[in-house]
Every structure is written in structure tokens, then in C-alpha cells.
């Protein structure tokens, strides 16, 4: 696999889906920040786990979401997902 320089992903207003965090991590992002003006993301972790399984079937390395039960931000004004915590810089 080709190695790129370290890179970071930022998505402003991801809306109801945080799937870009899974894809970014699978393609080697050191961190992925998803910032929105409100808590619009689907909180059920099931679709994110399904996406991770699909990405894994493509021989990529998505984040391990086995310990995540839902997606919630720390406050109501700015959504920073539980996925971002998993994807913080290494």
C-alpha cells in the first residue's frame, strides 16, 4: 500500500451522517474532526458499524467501534462526535 504523508480530515456540517470519519480513518487519516452547528447526526451506532464492516471487507482499516454505543457530542452548540475521540491524532 502506498504511504502518504500524515494527513487530517475536517468536515464542516456533516449533517446526519458521520461516515466520512470511518472512511478517513480507513484511508490513513491521523485524525478526523466533524464539526456541526447542532447534534444532527444519527446517534445509533449500527449504521457506522455496518460501514466499518464494509470498509474492512475492502481490506482497509476502519476504526474499531466495538466499544462505542452511540454518537453524542459534548454539548448542544457544537457536535464533536464520539468517532472523533476514536480518531484523535496518534
PDB file of N, CA and C in Angstrom:
ATOM      1  N   UNK A   1       0.833  -1.174   0.000  1.00  0.00           N
ATOM      2  CA  UNK A   1       0.000   0.000   0.000  1.00  0.00           C
ATOM      3  C   UNK A   1       0.883   1.244   0.000  1.00  0.00           C
ATOM      4  N   UNK A   2       0.539   2.188  -0.799  1.00  0.00           N
ATOM      5  CA  UNK A   2       1.293   3.433  -0.879  1.00  0.00           C
ATOM      6  C   UNK A   2       1.148   4.214   0.428  1.00  0.00           C
ATOM      7  N   UNK A   3       2.245   4.738   0.920  1.00  0.00           N
ATOM      8  CA  UNK A   3       2.237   5.532   2.154  1.00  0.00           C
ATOM      9  C   UNK A   3       2.283   7.015   1.802  1.00  0.00           C
ATOM     10  N   UNK A   4       1.327   7.750   2.344  1.00  0.00           N
ATOM     11  CA  UNK A   4       1.281   9.185   2.143  1.00  0.00           C
ATOM     12  C   UNK A   4       1.783   9.884   3.389  1.00  0.00           C
ATOM     13  N   UNK A   5       2.029  11.161   3.267  1.00  0.00           N
ATOM     14  CA  UNK A   5       2.388  11.955   4.434  1.00  0.00           C
ATOM     15  C   UNK A   5       1.192  11.969   5.392  1.00  0.00           C
ATOM     16  N   UNK A   6       1.435  12.163   6.679  1.00  0.00           N
ATOM     17  CA  UNK A   6       0.314  12.241   7.626  1.00  0.00           C
ATOM     18  C   UNK A   6      -0.678  13.323   7.196  1.00  0.00           C
ATOM     19  N   UNK A   7      -1.957  13.023   7.340  1.00  0.00           N
ATOM     20  CA  UNK A   7      -2.968  13.995   6.971  1.00  0.00           C
ATOM     21  C   UNK A   7      -4.126  13.943   7.962  1.00  0.00           C
ATOM     22  N   UNK A   8      -4.883  15.017   7.991  1.00  0.00           N
ATOM     23  CA  UNK A   8      -6.004  15.169   8.906  1.00  0.00           C
ATOM     24  C   UNK A   8      -7.242  15.519   8.087  1.00  0.00           C
ATOM     25  N   UNK A   9      -8.395  15.040   8.537  1.00  0.00           N
ATOM     26  CA  UNK A   9      -9.651  15.326   7.844  1.00  0.00           C
ATOM     27  C   UNK A   9     -10.499  16.274   8.684  1.00  0.00           C
ATOM     28  N   UNK A  10     -11.184  17.167   7.994  1.00  0.00           N
ATOM     29  CA  UNK A  10     -12.123  18.082   8.638  1.00  0.00           C
ATOM     30  C   UNK A  10     -13.369  18.144   7.777  1.00  0.00           C
ATOM     31  N   UNK A  11     -14.514  17.916   8.403  1.00  0.00           N
ATOM     32  CA  UNK A  11     -15.776  18.085   7.686  1.00  0.00           C
ATOM     33  C   UNK A  11     -16.632  19.053   8.496  1.00  0.00           C
ATOM     34  N   UNK A  12     -17.025  20.115   7.860  1.00  0.00           N
ATOM     35  CA  UNK A  12     -17.890  21.098   8.493  1.00  0.00           C
ATOM     36  C   UNK A  12     -19.324  20.788   8.071  1.00  0.00           C
ATOM     37  N   UNK A  13     -20.190  20.716   9.039  1.00  0.00           N
ATOM     38  CA  UNK A  13     -21.601  20.394   8.853  1.00  0.00           C
ATOM     39  C   UNK A  13     -21.813  19.043   8.170  1.00  0.00           C
ATOM     40  N   UNK A  14     -21.432  17.958   8.850  1.00  0.00           N
ATOM     41  CA  UNK A  14     -21.638  16.630   8.273  1.00  0.00           C
ATOM     42  C   UNK A  14     -23.102  16.213   8.227  1.00  0.00           C
ATOM     43  N   UNK A  15     -23.979  16.927   8.910  1.00  0.00           N
ATOM     44  CA  UNK A  15     -25.405  16.602   8.867  1.00  0.00           C
ATOM     45  C   UNK A  15     -25.727  15.361   9.662  1.00  0.00           C
ATOM     46  N   UNK A  16     -26.531  14.471   9.079  1.00  0.00           N
ATOM     47  CA  UNK A  16     -26.993  13.313   9.841  1.00  0.00           C
ATOM     48  C   UNK A  16     -26.080  12.102   9.747  1.00  0.00           C
ATOM     49  N   UNK A  17     -24.999  12.196   9.010  1.00  0.00           N
ATOM     50  CA  UNK A  17     -24.101  11.053   8.854  1.00  0.00           C
ATOM     51  C   UNK A  17     -22.663  11.432   9.175  1.00  0.00           C
ATOM     52  N   UNK A  18     -22.008  10.564   9.922  1.00  0.00           N
ATOM     53  CA  UNK A  18     -20.608  10.763  10.277  1.00  0.00           C
ATOM     54  C   UNK A  18     -19.726   9.715   9.607  1.00  0.00           C
ATOM     55  N   UNK A  19     -20.208   9.162   8.508  1.00  0.00           N
ATOM     56  CA  UNK A  19     -19.484   8.088   7.823  1.00  0.00           C
ATOM     57  C   UNK A  19     -18.134   8.537   7.283  1.00  0.00           C
ATOM     58  N   UNK A  20     -17.988   9.815   7.009  1.00  0.00           N
ATOM     59  CA  UNK A  20     -16.706  10.282   6.477  1.00  0.00           C
ATOM     60  C   UNK A  20     -15.571  10.041   7.467  1.00  0.00           C
ATOM     61  N   UNK A  21     -15.862  10.013   8.760  1.00  0.00           N
ATOM     62  CA  UNK A  21     -14.826   9.731   9.758  1.00  0.00           C
ATOM     63  C   UNK A  21     -14.302   8.309   9.611  1.00  0.00           C
ATOM     64  N   UNK A  22     -15.185   7.384   9.341  1.00  0.00           N
ATOM     65  CA  UNK A  22     -14.782   5.987   9.158  1.00  0.00           C
ATOM     66  C   UNK A  22     -13.930   5.849   7.909  1.00  0.00           C
ATOM     67  N   UNK A  23     -14.366   6.483   6.828  1.00  0.00           N
ATOM     68  CA  UNK A  23     -13.618   6.407   5.573  1.00  0.00           C
ATOM     69  C   UNK A  23     -12.258   7.092   5.707  1.00  0.00           C
ATOM     70  N   UNK A  24     -12.230   8.252   6.351  1.00  0.00           N
ATOM     71  CA  UNK A  24     -10.960   8.967   6.528  1.00  0.00           C
ATOM     72  C   UNK A  24      -9.961   8.117   7.306  1.00  0.00           C
ATOM     73  N   UNK A  25     -10.404   7.513   8.389  1.00  0.00           N
ATOM     74  CA  UNK A  25      -9.508   6.674   9.184  1.00  0.00           C
ATOM     75  C   UNK A  25      -9.046   5.461   8.373  1.00  0.00           C
ATOM     76  N   UNK A  26      -9.949   4.875   7.618  1.00  0.00           N
ATOM     77  CA  UNK A  26      -9.597   3.713   6.801  1.00  0.00           C
ATOM     78  C   UNK A  26      -8.527   4.050   5.772  1.00  0.00           C
ATOM     79  N   UNK A  27      -8.510   5.291   5.310  1.00  0.00           N
ATOM     80  CA  UNK A  27      -7.509   5.724   4.341  1.00  0.00           C
ATOM     81  C   UNK A  27      -6.310   6.404   4.997  1.00  0.00           C
ATOM     82  N   UNK A  28      -6.193   6.244   6.312  1.00  0.00           N
ATOM     83  CA  UNK A  28      -4.972   6.652   6.984  1.00  0.00           C
ATOM     84  C   UNK A  28      -4.947   8.017   7.631  1.00  0.00           C
ATOM     85  N   UNK A  29      -6.088   8.670   7.771  1.00  0.00           N
ATOM     86  CA  UNK A  29      -6.093   9.965   8.457  1.00  0.00           C
ATOM     87  C   UNK A  29      -5.615   9.780   9.888  1.00  0.00           C
ATOM     88  N   UNK A  30      -4.758  10.682  10.345  1.00  0.00           N
ATOM     89  CA  UNK A  30      -4.296  10.620  11.731  1.00  0.00           C
ATOM     90  C   UNK A  30      -5.389  11.081  12.678  1.00  0.00           C
ATOM     91  N   UNK A  31      -6.247  11.971  12.210  1.00  0.00           N
ATOM     92  CA  UNK A  31      -7.383  12.445  12.999  1.00  0.00           C
ATOM     93  C   UNK A  31      -8.464  12.921  12.055  1.00  0.00           C
ATOM     94  N   UNK A  32      -9.694  12.882  12.533  1.00  0.00           N
ATOM     95  CA  UNK A  32     -10.825  13.351  11.738  1.00  0.00           C
ATOM     96  C   UNK A  32     -11.729  14.161  12.655  1.00  0.00           C
ATOM     97  N   UNK A  33     -11.983  15.391  12.274  1.00  0.00           N
ATOM     98  CA  UNK A  33     -12.817  16.277  13.072  1.00  0.00           C
ATOM     99  C   UNK A  33     -14.086  16.589  12.294  1.00  0.00           C
ATOM    100  N   UNK A  34     -15.222  16.296  12.904  1.00  0.00           N
ATOM    101  CA  UNK A  34     -16.518  16.547  12.301  1.00  0.00           C
ATOM    102  C   UNK A  34     -17.219  17.592  13.159  1.00  0.00           C
ATOM    103  N   UNK A  35     -17.441  18.770  12.584  1.00  0.00           N
ATOM    104  CA  UNK A  35     -17.967  19.897  13.348  1.00  0.00           C
ATOM    105  C   UNK A  35     -19.293  20.338  12.734  1.00  0.00           C
ATOM    106  N   UNK A  36     -20.298  20.478  13.591  1.00  0.00           N
ATOM    107  CA  UNK A  36     -21.612  20.898  13.115  1.00  0.00           C
ATOM    108  C   UNK A  36     -22.197  21.914  14.085  1.00  0.00           C
ATOM    109  N   UNK A  37     -23.199  22.635  13.658  1.00  0.00           N
ATOM    110  CA  UNK A  37     -23.818  23.660  14.489  1.00  0.00           C
ATOM    111  C   UNK A  37     -24.845  23.082  15.456  1.00  0.00           C
ATOM    112  N   UNK A  38     -25.130  21.811  15.327  1.00  0.00           N
ATOM    113  CA  UNK A  38     -26.086  21.146  16.208  1.00  0.00           C
ATOM    114  C   UNK A  38     -25.889  19.650  16.161  1.00  0.00           C
ATOM    115  N   UNK A  39     -26.606  18.962  17.013  1.00  0.00           N
ATOM    116  CA  UNK A  39     -26.494  17.497  17.101  1.00  0.00           C
ATOM    117  C   UNK A  39     -27.467  16.850  16.116  1.00  0.00           C
ATOM    118  N   UNK A  40     -27.083  16.822  14.843  1.00  0.00           N
ATOM    119  CA  UNK A  40     -27.946  16.296  13.795  1.00  0.00           C
ATOM    120  C   UNK A  40     -27.606  14.850  13.418  1.00  0.00           C
ATOM    121  N   UNK A  41     -26.483  14.361  13.867  1.00  0.00           N
ATOM    122  CA  UNK A  41     -26.012  13.036  13.455  1.00  0.00           C
ATOM    123  C   UNK A  41     -26.882  11.929  14.028  1.00  0.00           C
ATOM    124  N   UNK A  42     -27.022  10.883  13.243  1.00  0.00           N
ATOM    125  CA  UNK A  42     -27.701   9.678  13.715  1.00  0.00           C
ATOM    126  C   UNK A  42     -26.901   9.141  14.893  1.00  0.00           C
ATOM    127  N   UNK A  43     -27.558   8.961  16.047  1.00  0.00           N
ATOM    128  CA  UNK A  43     -26.854   8.531  17.246  1.00  0.00           C
ATOM    129  C   UNK A  43     -26.695   7.018  17.338  1.00  0.00           C
ATOM    130  N   UNK A  44     -27.530   6.274  16.641  1.00  0.00           N
ATOM    131  CA  UNK A  44     -27.435   4.819  16.658  1.00  0.00           C
ATOM    132  C   UNK A  44     -26.132   4.396  15.977  1.00  0.00           C
ATOM    133  N   UNK A  45     -25.348   3.596  16.636  1.00  0.00           N
ATOM    134  CA  UNK A  45     -24.038   3.203  16.113  1.00  0.00           C
ATOM    135  C   UNK A  45     -24.124   2.134  15.019  1.00  0.00           C
ATOM    136  N   UNK A  46     -25.267   1.488  14.873  1.00  0.00           N
ATOM    137  CA  UNK A  46     -25.408   0.365  13.921  1.00  0.00           C
ATOM    138  C   UNK A  46     -24.987   0.715  12.494  1.00  0.00           C
ATOM    139  N   UNK A  47     -25.447   1.825  11.901  1.00  0.00           N
ATOM    140  CA  UNK A  47     -25.020   2.102  10.519  1.00  0.00           C
ATOM    141  C   UNK A  47     -23.518   2.364  10.403  1.00  0.00           C
ATOM    142  N   UNK A  48     -22.921   2.920  11.455  1.00  0.00           N
ATOM    143  CA  UNK A  48     -21.482   3.179  11.421  1.00  0.00           C
ATOM    144  C   UNK A  48     -20.695   1.875  11.518  1.00  0.00           C
ATOM    145  N   UNK A  49     -21.180   0.947  12.334  1.00  0.00           N
ATOM    146  CA  UNK A  49     -20.531  -0.373  12.410  1.00  0.00           C
ATOM    147  C   UNK A  49     -20.653  -1.106  11.075  1.00  0.00           C
ATOM    148  N   UNK A  50     -21.833  -1.015  10.447  1.00  0.00           N
ATOM    149  CA  UNK A  50     -22.038  -1.660   9.138  1.00  0.00           C
ATOM    150  C   UNK A  50     -21.078  -1.070   8.105  1.00  0.00           C
ATOM    151  N   UNK A  51     -20.919   0.243   8.119  1.00  0.00           N
ATOM    152  CA  UNK A  51     -19.983   0.884   7.188  1.00  0.00           C
ATOM    153  C   UNK A  51     -18.557   0.429   7.475  1.00  0.00           C
ATOM    154  N   UNK A  52     -18.194   0.330   8.737  1.00  0.00           N
ATOM    155  CA  UNK A  52     -16.866  -0.151   9.107  1.00  0.00           C
ATOM    156  C   UNK A  52     -16.629  -1.564   8.618  1.00  0.00           C
ATOM    157  N   UNK A  53     -17.638  -2.418   8.751  1.00  0.00           N
ATOM    158  CA  UNK A  53     -17.504  -3.792   8.265  1.00  0.00           C
ATOM    159  C   UNK A  53     -17.331  -3.832   6.752  1.00  0.00           C
ATOM    160  N   UNK A  54     -18.073  -2.982   6.044  1.00  0.00           N
ATOM    161  CA  UNK A  54     -17.934  -2.924   4.592  1.00  0.00           C
ATOM    162  C   UNK A  54     -16.533  -2.460   4.196  1.00  0.00           C
ATOM    163  N   UNK A  55     -16.072  -1.393   4.832  1.00  0.00           N
ATOM    164  CA  UNK A  55     -14.740  -0.866   4.533  1.00  0.00           C
ATOM    165  C   UNK A  55     -13.675  -1.914   4.848  1.00  0.00           C
ATOM    166  N   UNK A  56     -13.861  -2.641   5.939  1.00  0.00           N
ATOM    167  CA  UNK A  56     -12.936  -3.719   6.301  1.00  0.00           C
ATOM    168  C   UNK A  56     -12.924  -4.807   5.218  1.00  0.00           C
ATOM    169  N   UNK A  57     -14.083  -5.075   4.595  1.00  0.00           N
ATOM    170  CA  UNK A  57     -14.153  -6.090   3.535  1.00  0.00           C
ATOM    171  C   UNK A  57     -13.363  -5.663   2.299  1.00  0.00           C
ATOM    172  N   UNK A  58     -13.037  -4.366   2.207  1.00  0.00           N
ATOM    173  CA  UNK A  58     -12.221  -3.847   1.104  1.00  0.00           C
ATOM    174  C   UNK A  58     -10.733  -3.836   1.459  1.00  0.00           C
ATOM    175  N   UNK A  59     -10.393  -4.528   2.548  1.00  0.00           N
ATOM    176  CA  UNK A  59      -9.007  -4.624   3.040  1.00  0.00           C
ATOM    177  C   UNK A  59      -8.442  -3.292   3.514  1.00  0.00           C
ATOM    178  N   UNK A  60      -9.312  -2.451   4.039  1.00  0.00           N
ATOM    179  CA  UNK A  60      -8.878  -1.209   4.659  1.00  0.00           C
ATOM    180  C   UNK A  60      -9.020  -1.363   6.174  1.00  0.00           C
ATOM    181  N   UNK A  61      -8.546  -0.386   6.927  1.00  0.00           N
ATOM    182  CA  UNK A  61      -8.558  -0.482   8.394  1.00  0.00           C
ATOM    183  C   UNK A  61      -9.400   0.631   9.014  1.00  0.00           C
ATOM    184  N   UNK A  62     -10.711   0.424   9.108  1.00  0.00           N
ATOM    185  CA  UNK A  62     -11.555   1.428   9.757  1.00  0.00           C
ATOM    186  C   UNK A  62     -11.350   1.389  11.267  1.00  0.00           C
ATOM    187  N   UNK A  63     -11.843   2.396  11.994  1.00  0.00           N
ATOM    188  CA  UNK A  63     -11.708   2.383  13.448  1.00  0.00           C
ATOM    189  C   UNK A  63     -12.523   1.256  14.074  1.00  0.00           C
ATOM    190  N   UNK A  64     -12.088   0.800  15.222  1.00  0.00           N
ATOM    191  CA  UNK A  64     -12.816  -0.215  15.972  1.00  0.00           C
ATOM    192  C   UNK A  64     -13.926   0.471  16.760  1.00  0.00           C
ATOM    193  N   UNK A  65     -15.154   0.189  16.413  1.00  0.00           N
ATOM    194  CA  UNK A  65     -16.298   0.812  17.071  1.00  0.00           C
ATOM    195  C   UNK A  65     -16.983  -0.128  18.050  1.00  0.00           C
ATOM    196  N   UNK A  66     -16.328  -1.214  18.417  1.00  0.00           N
ATOM    197  CA  UNK A  66     -16.954  -2.200  19.280  1.00  0.00           C
ATOM    198  C   UNK A  66     -17.277  -1.662  20.671  1.00  0.00           C
ATOM    199  N   UNK A  67     -16.556  -0.660  21.128  1.00  0.00           N
ATOM    200  CA  UNK A  67     -16.796  -0.096  22.459  1.00  0.00           C
ATOM    201  C   UNK A  67     -17.718   1.126  22.435  1.00  0.00           C
ATOM    202  N   UNK A  68     -18.146   1.545  21.253  1.00  0.00           N
ATOM    203  CA  UNK A  68     -18.991   2.733  21.128  1.00  0.00           C
ATOM    204  C   UNK A  68     -20.449   2.300  21.090  1.00  0.00           C
ATOM    205  N   UNK A  69     -21.277   2.904  21.947  1.00  0.00           N
ATOM    206  CA  UNK A  69     -22.694   2.522  21.974  1.00  0.00           C
ATOM    207  C   UNK A  69     -23.581   3.500  21.208  1.00  0.00           C
ATOM    208  N   UNK A  70     -23.159   4.761  21.103  1.00  0.00           N
ATOM    209  CA  UNK A  70     -23.902   5.748  20.321  1.00  0.00           C
ATOM    210  C   UNK A  70     -22.985   6.920  20.006  1.00  0.00           C
ATOM    211  N   UNK A  71     -23.508   7.864  19.273  1.00  0.00           N
ATOM    212  CA  UNK A  71     -22.720   9.029  18.869  1.00  0.00           C
ATOM    213  C   UNK A  71     -23.340  10.253  19.536  1.00  0.00           C
ATOM    214  N   UNK A  72     -22.592  10.881  20.415  1.00  0.00           N
ATOM    215  CA  UNK A  72     -23.091  12.078  21.097  1.00  0.00           C
ATOM    216  C   UNK A  72     -21.987  13.095  21.206  1.00  0.00           C
ATOM    217  N   UNK A  73     -22.360  14.355  21.113  1.00  0.00           N
ATOM    218  CA  UNK A  73     -21.407  15.439  21.279  1.00  0.00           C
ATOM    219  C   UNK A  73     -21.356  15.900  22.724  1.00  0.00           C
ATOM    220  N   UNK A  74     -20.330  16.661  23.089  1.00  0.00           N
ATOM    221  CA  UNK A  74     -20.167  17.099  24.470  1.00  0.00           C
ATOM    222  C   UNK A  74     -21.133  18.211  24.882  1.00  0.00           C
ATOM    223  N   UNK A  75     -21.705  18.936  23.925  1.00  0.00           N
ATOM    224  CA  UNK A  75     -22.682  19.968  24.268  1.00  0.00           C
ATOM    225  C   UNK A  75     -23.614  20.168  23.091  1.00  0.00           C
ATOM    226  N   UNK A  76     -24.619  21.008  23.265  1.00  0.00           N
ATOM    227  CA  UNK A  76     -25.629  21.169  22.225  1.00  0.00           C
ATOM    228  C   UNK A  76     -25.233  22.173  21.152  1.00  0.00           C
ATOM    229  N   UNK A  77     -24.237  23.006  21.402  1.00  0.00           N
ATOM    230  CA  UNK A  77     -23.891  24.040  20.451  1.00  0.00           C
ATOM    231  C   UNK A  77     -22.934  23.581  19.370  1.00  0.00           C
ATOM    232  N   UNK A  78     -22.130  22.584  19.672  1.00  0.00           N
ATOM    233  CA  UNK A  78     -21.100  22.147  18.732  1.00  0.00           C
ATOM    234  C   UNK A  78     -20.969  20.639  18.824  1.00  0.00           C
ATOM    235  N   UNK A  79     -21.225  19.955  17.744  1.00  0.00           N
ATOM    236  CA  UNK A  79     -21.145  18.499  17.752  1.00  0.00           C
ATOM    237  C   UNK A  79     -19.728  18.065  17.447  1.00  0.00           C
ATOM    238  N   UNK A  80     -19.135  17.351  18.385  1.00  0.00           N
ATOM    239  CA  UNK A  80     -17.857  16.686  18.158  1.00  0.00           C
ATOM    240  C   UNK A  80     -18.130  15.239  18.515  1.00  0.00           C
ATOM    241  N   UNK A  81     -18.139  14.376  17.534  1.00  0.00           N
ATOM    242  CA  UNK A  81     -18.660  13.032  17.728  1.00  0.00           C
ATOM    243  C   UNK A  81     -17.761  12.130  18.554  1.00  0.00           C
ATOM    244  N   UNK A  82     -18.354  11.056  19.027  1.00  0.00           N
ATOM    245  CA  UNK A  82     -17.588  10.004  19.689  1.00  0.00           C
ATOM    246  C   UNK A  82     -16.573   9.409  18.714  1.00  0.00           C
ATOM    247  N   UNK A  83     -16.894   9.450  17.438  1.00  0.00           N
ATOM    248  CA  UNK A  83     -15.945   8.952  16.437  1.00  0.00           C
ATOM    249  C   UNK A  83     -14.681   9.796  16.420  1.00  0.00           C
ATOM    250  N   UNK A  84     -14.803  11.108  16.607  1.00  0.00           N
ATOM    251  CA  UNK A  84     -13.626  11.984  16.618  1.00  0.00           C
ATOM    252  C   UNK A  84     -12.686  11.590  17.746  1.00  0.00           C
ATOM    253  N   UNK A  85     -13.237  11.205  18.883  1.00  0.00           N
ATOM    254  CA  UNK A  85     -12.399  10.788  20.002  1.00  0.00           C
ATOM    255  C   UNK A  85     -11.587   9.556  19.610  1.00  0.00           C
ATOM    256  N   UNK A  86     -12.218   8.629  18.906  1.00  0.00           N
ATOM    257  CA  UNK A  86     -11.517   7.434  18.451  1.00  0.00           C
ATOM    258  C   UNK A  86     -10.442   7.766  17.426  1.00  0.00           C
ATOM    259  N   UNK A  87     -10.648   8.853  16.687  1.00  0.00           N
ATOM    260  CA  UNK A  87      -9.760   9.175  15.579  1.00  0.00           C
ATOM    261  C   UNK A  87      -8.763  10.276  15.919  1.00  0.00           C
ATOM    262  N   UNK A  88      -8.628  10.623  17.189  1.00  0.00           N
ATOM    263  CA  UNK A  88      -7.701  11.701  17.547  1.00  0.00           C
ATOM    264  C   UNK A  88      -6.287  11.329  17.128  1.00  0.00           C
ATOM    265  N   UNK A  89      -5.413  12.305  17.002  1.00  0.00           N
ATOM    266  CA  UNK A  89      -4.064  12.031  16.500  1.00  0.00           C
ATOM    267  C   UNK A  89      -3.337  10.971  17.313  1.00  0.00           C
ATOM    268  N   UNK A  90      -2.584  10.160  16.587  1.00  0.00           N
ATOM    269  CA  UNK A  90      -1.809   9.099  17.239  1.00  0.00           C
ATOM    270  C   UNK A  90      -0.358   9.508  17.339  1.00  0.00           C
TER     271      UNK A  90
END
